[in-house]
């Protein structure tokens, strides 16, 4: 994995497929099974991030 600071609050990350897959799998696990003490706002942000990720992956697929 490589990280680059583009601006103070913006990073660019480059992942190998398996690295990104591990992060997304962990995020999905937390979003689905988080204990009650995880703030709902945090879970909502995580779920939105996963929705954007899923949409972007669909956009990468070649047209049928």
PDB file of N, CA and C in Angstrom:
ATOM      1  N   UNK A   1       0.850  -1.166   0.000  1.00  0.00           N
ATOM      2  CA  UNK A   1       0.000   0.000   0.000  1.00  0.00           C
ATOM      3  C   UNK A   1       0.894   1.227   0.000  1.00  0.00           C
ATOM      4  N   UNK A   2       0.467   2.225  -0.725  1.00  0.00           N
ATOM      5  CA  UNK A   2       1.151   3.505  -0.734  1.00  0.00           C
ATOM      6  C   UNK A   2       0.157   4.593  -0.379  1.00  0.00           C
ATOM      7  N   UNK A   3       0.599   5.558   0.421  1.00  0.00           N
ATOM      8  CA  UNK A   3      -0.219   6.712   0.773  1.00  0.00           C
ATOM      9  C   UNK A   3       0.518   7.980   0.377  1.00  0.00           C
ATOM     10  N   UNK A   4      -0.236   8.916  -0.156  1.00  0.00           N
ATOM     11  CA  UNK A   4       0.329  10.194  -0.560  1.00  0.00           C
ATOM     12  C   UNK A   4      -0.609  11.294  -0.078  1.00  0.00           C
ATOM     13  N   UNK A   5      -0.045  12.311   0.544  1.00  0.00           N
ATOM     14  CA  UNK A   5      -0.857  13.461   0.957  1.00  0.00           C
ATOM     15  C   UNK A   5      -0.948  14.404  -0.241  1.00  0.00           C
ATOM     16  N   UNK A   6      -2.172  14.625  -0.717  1.00  0.00           N
ATOM     17  CA  UNK A   6      -2.408  15.497  -1.858  1.00  0.00           C
ATOM     18  C   UNK A   6      -2.620  16.930  -1.386  1.00  0.00           C
ATOM     19  N   UNK A   7      -3.419  17.070  -0.347  1.00  0.00           N
ATOM     20  CA  UNK A   7      -3.682  18.348   0.322  1.00  0.00           C
ATOM     21  C   UNK A   7      -3.782  18.034   1.807  1.00  0.00           C
ATOM     22  N   UNK A   8      -3.872  19.023   2.675  1.00  0.00           N
ATOM     23  CA  UNK A   8      -3.890  18.741   4.115  1.00  0.00           C
ATOM     24  C   UNK A   8      -4.924  17.692   4.549  1.00  0.00           C
ATOM     25  N   UNK A   9      -6.088  17.709   3.946  1.00  0.00           N
ATOM     26  CA  UNK A   9      -7.123  16.757   4.359  1.00  0.00           C
ATOM     27  C   UNK A   9      -7.476  15.751   3.265  1.00  0.00           C
ATOM     28  N   UNK A  10      -6.593  15.593   2.275  1.00  0.00           N
ATOM     29  CA  UNK A  10      -6.859  14.685   1.162  1.00  0.00           C
ATOM     30  C   UNK A  10      -5.659  13.768   0.973  1.00  0.00           C
ATOM     31  N   UNK A  11      -5.929  12.465   0.950  1.00  0.00           N
ATOM     32  CA  UNK A  11      -4.898  11.467   0.712  1.00  0.00           C
ATOM     33  C   UNK A  11      -5.221  10.683  -0.548  1.00  0.00           C
ATOM     34  N   UNK A  12      -4.208  10.210  -1.209  1.00  0.00           N
ATOM     35  CA  UNK A  12      -4.371   9.284  -2.335  1.00  0.00           C
ATOM     36  C   UNK A  12      -3.741   7.972  -1.893  1.00  0.00           C
ATOM     37  N   UNK A  13      -4.491   6.898  -2.026  1.00  0.00           N
ATOM     38  CA  UNK A  13      -4.007   5.581  -1.612  1.00  0.00           C
ATOM     39  C   UNK A  13      -3.964   4.658  -2.828  1.00  0.00           C
ATOM     40  N   UNK A  14      -2.894   3.878  -2.905  1.00  0.00           N
ATOM     41  CA  UNK A  14      -2.755   2.873  -3.949  1.00  0.00           C
ATOM     42  C   UNK A  14      -2.641   1.520  -3.250  1.00  0.00           C
ATOM     43  N   UNK A  15      -3.547   0.611  -3.599  1.00  0.00           N
ATOM     44  CA  UNK A  15      -3.616  -0.696  -2.945  1.00  0.00           C
ATOM     45  C   UNK A  15      -3.407  -1.817  -3.951  1.00  0.00           C
ATOM     46  N   UNK A  16      -2.855  -2.921  -3.496  1.00  0.00           N
ATOM     47  CA  UNK A  16      -2.958  -4.168  -4.244  1.00  0.00           C
ATOM     48  C   UNK A  16      -4.387  -4.670  -4.018  1.00  0.00           C
ATOM     49  N   UNK A  17      -4.879  -5.451  -4.924  1.00  0.00           N
ATOM     50  CA  UNK A  17      -6.251  -5.943  -4.843  1.00  0.00           C
ATOM     51  C   UNK A  17      -6.537  -6.618  -3.512  1.00  0.00           C
ATOM     52  N   UNK A  18      -5.629  -7.469  -3.050  1.00  0.00           N
ATOM     53  CA  UNK A  18      -5.866  -8.192  -1.801  1.00  0.00           C
ATOM     54  C   UNK A  18      -5.884  -7.254  -0.595  1.00  0.00           C
ATOM     55  N   UNK A  19      -5.130  -6.167  -0.647  1.00  0.00           N
ATOM     56  CA  UNK A  19      -5.136  -5.208   0.466  1.00  0.00           C
ATOM     57  C   UNK A  19      -6.478  -4.488   0.541  1.00  0.00           C
ATOM     58  N   UNK A  20      -6.956  -4.034  -0.594  1.00  0.00           N
ATOM     59  CA  UNK A  20      -8.248  -3.353  -0.613  1.00  0.00           C
ATOM     60  C   UNK A  20      -9.370  -4.316  -0.238  1.00  0.00           C
ATOM     61  N   UNK A  21      -9.303  -5.544  -0.723  1.00  0.00           N
ATOM     62  CA  UNK A  21     -10.322  -6.537  -0.395  1.00  0.00           C
ATOM     63  C   UNK A  21     -10.375  -6.786   1.114  1.00  0.00           C
ATOM     64  N   UNK A  22      -9.217  -6.849   1.765  1.00  0.00           N
ATOM     65  CA  UNK A  22      -9.182  -7.064   3.210  1.00  0.00           C
ATOM     66  C   UNK A  22      -9.797  -5.886   3.958  1.00  0.00           C
ATOM     67  N   UNK A  23      -9.495  -4.667   3.540  1.00  0.00           N
ATOM     68  CA  UNK A  23     -10.069  -3.487   4.197  1.00  0.00           C
ATOM     69  C   UNK A  23     -11.580  -3.416   4.010  1.00  0.00           C
ATOM     70  N   UNK A  24     -12.046  -3.694   2.798  1.00  0.00           N
ATOM     71  CA  UNK A  24     -13.488  -3.632   2.531  1.00  0.00           C
ATOM     72  C   UNK A  24     -14.212  -4.739   3.288  1.00  0.00           C
ATOM     73  N   UNK A  25     -13.641  -5.934   3.334  1.00  0.00           N
ATOM     74  CA  UNK A  25     -14.261  -7.029   4.091  1.00  0.00           C
ATOM     75  C   UNK A  25     -14.365  -6.670   5.569  1.00  0.00           C
ATOM     76  N   UNK A  26     -13.322  -6.086   6.124  1.00  0.00           N
ATOM     77  CA  UNK A  26     -13.348  -5.690   7.531  1.00  0.00           C
ATOM     78  C   UNK A  26     -14.391  -4.597   7.760  1.00  0.00           C
ATOM     79  N   UNK A  27     -14.479  -3.647   6.847  1.00  0.00           N
ATOM     80  CA  UNK A  27     -15.472  -2.578   6.984  1.00  0.00           C
ATOM     81  C   UNK A  27     -16.891  -3.141   6.929  1.00  0.00           C
ATOM     82  N   UNK A  28     -17.135  -4.080   6.007  1.00  0.00           N
ATOM     83  CA  UNK A  28     -18.475  -4.689   5.922  1.00  0.00           C
ATOM     84  C   UNK A  28     -18.806  -5.454   7.200  1.00  0.00           C
ATOM     85  N   UNK A  29     -17.818  -6.170   7.725  1.00  0.00           N
ATOM     86  CA  UNK A  29     -18.028  -6.926   8.969  1.00  0.00           C
ATOM     87  C   UNK A  29     -18.418  -5.985  10.107  1.00  0.00           C
ATOM     88  N   UNK A  30     -17.690  -4.913  10.249  1.00  0.00           N
ATOM     89  CA  UNK A  30     -17.997  -3.949  11.319  1.00  0.00           C
ATOM     90  C   UNK A  30     -19.370  -3.315  11.091  1.00  0.00           C
ATOM     91  N   UNK A  31     -19.669  -2.947   9.855  1.00  0.00           N
ATOM     92  CA  UNK A  31     -20.954  -2.307   9.560  1.00  0.00           C
ATOM     93  C   UNK A  31     -22.130  -3.219   9.882  1.00  0.00           C
ATOM     94  N   UNK A  32     -21.921  -4.528   9.756  1.00  0.00           N
ATOM     95  CA  UNK A  32     -23.015  -5.482   9.980  1.00  0.00           C
ATOM     96  C   UNK A  32     -23.071  -6.014  11.405  1.00  0.00           C
ATOM     97  N   UNK A  33     -21.948  -6.037  12.113  1.00  0.00           N
ATOM     98  CA  UNK A  33     -21.917  -6.725  13.407  1.00  0.00           C
ATOM     99  C   UNK A  33     -21.375  -5.862  14.544  1.00  0.00           C
ATOM    100  N   UNK A  34     -21.349  -4.559  14.370  1.00  0.00           N
ATOM    101  CA  UNK A  34     -20.760  -3.688  15.389  1.00  0.00           C
ATOM    102  C   UNK A  34     -21.506  -3.807  16.714  1.00  0.00           C
ATOM    103  N   UNK A  35     -20.767  -3.798  17.817  1.00  0.00           N
ATOM    104  CA  UNK A  35     -21.418  -3.812  19.120  1.00  0.00           C
ATOM    105  C   UNK A  35     -22.222  -2.528  19.345  1.00  0.00           C
ATOM    106  N   UNK A  36     -23.103  -2.581  20.301  1.00  0.00           N
ATOM    107  CA  UNK A  36     -24.010  -1.454  20.560  1.00  0.00           C
ATOM    108  C   UNK A  36     -23.280  -0.185  20.970  1.00  0.00           C
ATOM    109  N   UNK A  37     -22.061  -0.302  21.491  1.00  0.00           N
ATOM    110  CA  UNK A  37     -21.369   0.906  21.955  1.00  0.00           C
ATOM    111  C   UNK A  37     -20.683   1.682  20.827  1.00  0.00           C
ATOM    112  N   UNK A  38     -20.755   1.182  19.589  1.00  0.00           N
ATOM    113  CA  UNK A  38     -20.221   1.938  18.455  1.00  0.00           C
ATOM    114  C   UNK A  38     -21.257   3.005  18.102  1.00  0.00           C
ATOM    115  N   UNK A  39     -20.846   4.268  18.059  1.00  0.00           N
ATOM    116  CA  UNK A  39     -21.807   5.339  17.768  1.00  0.00           C
ATOM    117  C   UNK A  39     -22.498   5.143  16.420  1.00  0.00           C
ATOM    118  N   UNK A  40     -23.778   5.391  16.393  1.00  0.00           N
ATOM    119  CA  UNK A  40     -24.560   5.233  15.166  1.00  0.00           C
ATOM    120  C   UNK A  40     -24.041   6.137  14.058  1.00  0.00           C
ATOM    121  N   UNK A  41     -23.565   7.323  14.401  1.00  0.00           N
ATOM    122  CA  UNK A  41     -23.018   8.233  13.395  1.00  0.00           C
ATOM    123  C   UNK A  41     -21.797   7.615  12.714  1.00  0.00           C
ATOM    124  N   UNK A  42     -20.964   6.935  13.475  1.00  0.00           N
ATOM    125  CA  UNK A  42     -19.792   6.267  12.901  1.00  0.00           C
ATOM    126  C   UNK A  42     -20.214   5.153  11.952  1.00  0.00           C
ATOM    127  N   UNK A  43     -21.203   4.382  12.366  1.00  0.00           N
ATOM    128  CA  UNK A  43     -21.700   3.300  11.498  1.00  0.00           C
ATOM    129  C   UNK A  43     -22.331   3.864  10.233  1.00  0.00           C
ATOM    130  N   UNK A  44     -23.050   4.964  10.363  1.00  0.00           N
ATOM    131  CA  UNK A  44     -23.676   5.583   9.195  1.00  0.00           C
ATOM    132  C   UNK A  44     -22.606   6.060   8.217  1.00  0.00           C
ATOM    133  N   UNK A  45     -21.521   6.650   8.717  1.00  0.00           N
ATOM    134  CA  UNK A  45     -20.431   7.095   7.846  1.00  0.00           C
ATOM    135  C   UNK A  45     -19.789   5.899   7.146  1.00  0.00           C
ATOM    136  N   UNK A  46     -19.587   4.830   7.882  1.00  0.00           N
ATOM    137  CA  UNK A  46     -18.989   3.626   7.306  1.00  0.00           C
ATOM    138  C   UNK A  46     -19.891   3.030   6.230  1.00  0.00           C
ATOM    139  N   UNK A  47     -21.177   2.988   6.495  1.00  0.00           N
ATOM    140  CA  UNK A  47     -22.119   2.447   5.507  1.00  0.00           C
ATOM    141  C   UNK A  47     -22.167   3.313   4.256  1.00  0.00           C
ATOM    142  N   UNK A  48     -22.103   4.637   4.419  1.00  0.00           N
ATOM    143  CA  UNK A  48     -22.070   5.525   3.251  1.00  0.00           C
ATOM    144  C   UNK A  48     -20.797   5.296   2.436  1.00  0.00           C
ATOM    145  N   UNK A  49     -19.687   5.136   3.117  1.00  0.00           N
ATOM    146  CA  UNK A  49     -18.430   4.872   2.434  1.00  0.00           C
ATOM    147  C   UNK A  49     -18.526   3.585   1.617  1.00  0.00           C
ATOM    148  N   UNK A  50     -19.116   2.542   2.194  1.00  0.00           N
ATOM    149  CA  UNK A  50     -19.276   1.271   1.478  1.00  0.00           C
ATOM    150  C   UNK A  50     -20.219   1.413   0.288  1.00  0.00           C
ATOM    151  N   UNK A  51     -21.259   2.225   0.425  1.00  0.00           N
ATOM    152  CA  UNK A  51     -22.171   2.460  -0.697  1.00  0.00           C
ATOM    153  C   UNK A  51     -21.446   3.145  -1.846  1.00  0.00           C
ATOM    154  N   UNK A  52     -20.635   4.143  -1.528  1.00  0.00           N
ATOM    155  CA  UNK A  52     -19.863   4.839  -2.568  1.00  0.00           C
ATOM    156  C   UNK A  52     -18.870   3.879  -3.212  1.00  0.00           C
ATOM    157  N   UNK A  53     -18.199   3.083  -2.405  1.00  0.00           N
ATOM    158  CA  UNK A  53     -17.257   2.092  -2.940  1.00  0.00           C
ATOM    159  C   UNK A  53     -17.972   1.146  -3.916  1.00  0.00           C
ATOM    160  N   UNK A  54     -19.111   0.613  -3.500  1.00  0.00           N
ATOM    161  CA  UNK A  54     -19.855  -0.312  -4.368  1.00  0.00           C
ATOM    162  C   UNK A  54     -20.261   0.362  -5.676  1.00  0.00           C
ATOM    163  N   UNK A  55     -20.697   1.607  -5.595  1.00  0.00           N
ATOM    164  CA  UNK A  55     -21.099   2.341  -6.794  1.00  0.00           C
ATOM    165  C   UNK A  55     -19.894   2.548  -7.722  1.00  0.00           C
ATOM    166  N   UNK A  56     -18.760   2.923  -7.163  1.00  0.00           N
ATOM    167  CA  UNK A  56     -17.555   3.146  -7.968  1.00  0.00           C
ATOM    168  C   UNK A  56     -17.068   1.851  -8.624  1.00  0.00           C
ATOM    169  N   UNK A  57     -17.166   0.747  -7.907  1.00  0.00           N
ATOM    170  CA  UNK A  57     -16.768  -0.543  -8.491  1.00  0.00           C
ATOM    171  C   UNK A  57     -17.685  -0.898  -9.659  1.00  0.00           C
ATOM    172  N   UNK A  58     -18.979  -0.660  -9.499  1.00  0.00           N
ATOM    173  CA  UNK A  58     -19.911  -0.919 -10.601  1.00  0.00           C
ATOM    174  C   UNK A  58     -19.562  -0.043 -11.805  1.00  0.00           C
ATOM    175  N   UNK A  59     -19.169   1.203 -11.551  1.00  0.00           N
ATOM    176  CA  UNK A  59     -18.805   2.114 -12.640  1.00  0.00           C
ATOM    177  C   UNK A  59     -17.568   1.633 -13.398  1.00  0.00           C
ATOM    178  N   UNK A  60     -16.705   0.870 -12.727  1.00  0.00           N
ATOM    179  CA  UNK A  60     -15.489   0.361 -13.363  1.00  0.00           C
ATOM    180  C   UNK A  60     -15.773  -0.811 -14.300  1.00  0.00           C
ATOM    181  N   UNK A  61     -16.889  -1.474 -14.087  1.00  0.00           N
ATOM    182  CA  UNK A  61     -17.204  -2.658 -14.891  1.00  0.00           C
ATOM    183  C   UNK A  61     -17.397  -2.249 -16.343  1.00  0.00           C
ATOM    184  N   UNK A  62     -16.906  -3.074 -17.256  1.00  0.00           N
ATOM    185  CA  UNK A  62     -17.094  -2.733 -18.688  1.00  0.00           C
ATOM    186  C   UNK A  62     -18.581  -2.818 -19.059  1.00  0.00           C
ATOM    187  N   UNK A  63     -19.034  -1.991 -19.982  1.00  0.00           N
ATOM    188  CA  UNK A  63     -20.432  -2.034 -20.397  1.00  0.00           C
ATOM    189  C   UNK A  63     -20.788  -3.402 -20.975  1.00  0.00           C
ATOM    190  N   UNK A  64     -22.005  -3.838 -20.709  1.00  0.00           N
ATOM    191  CA  UNK A  64     -22.447  -5.156 -21.201  1.00  0.00           C
ATOM    192  C   UNK A  64     -22.852  -5.106 -22.636  1.00  0.00           C
TER     193      UNK A  64
END
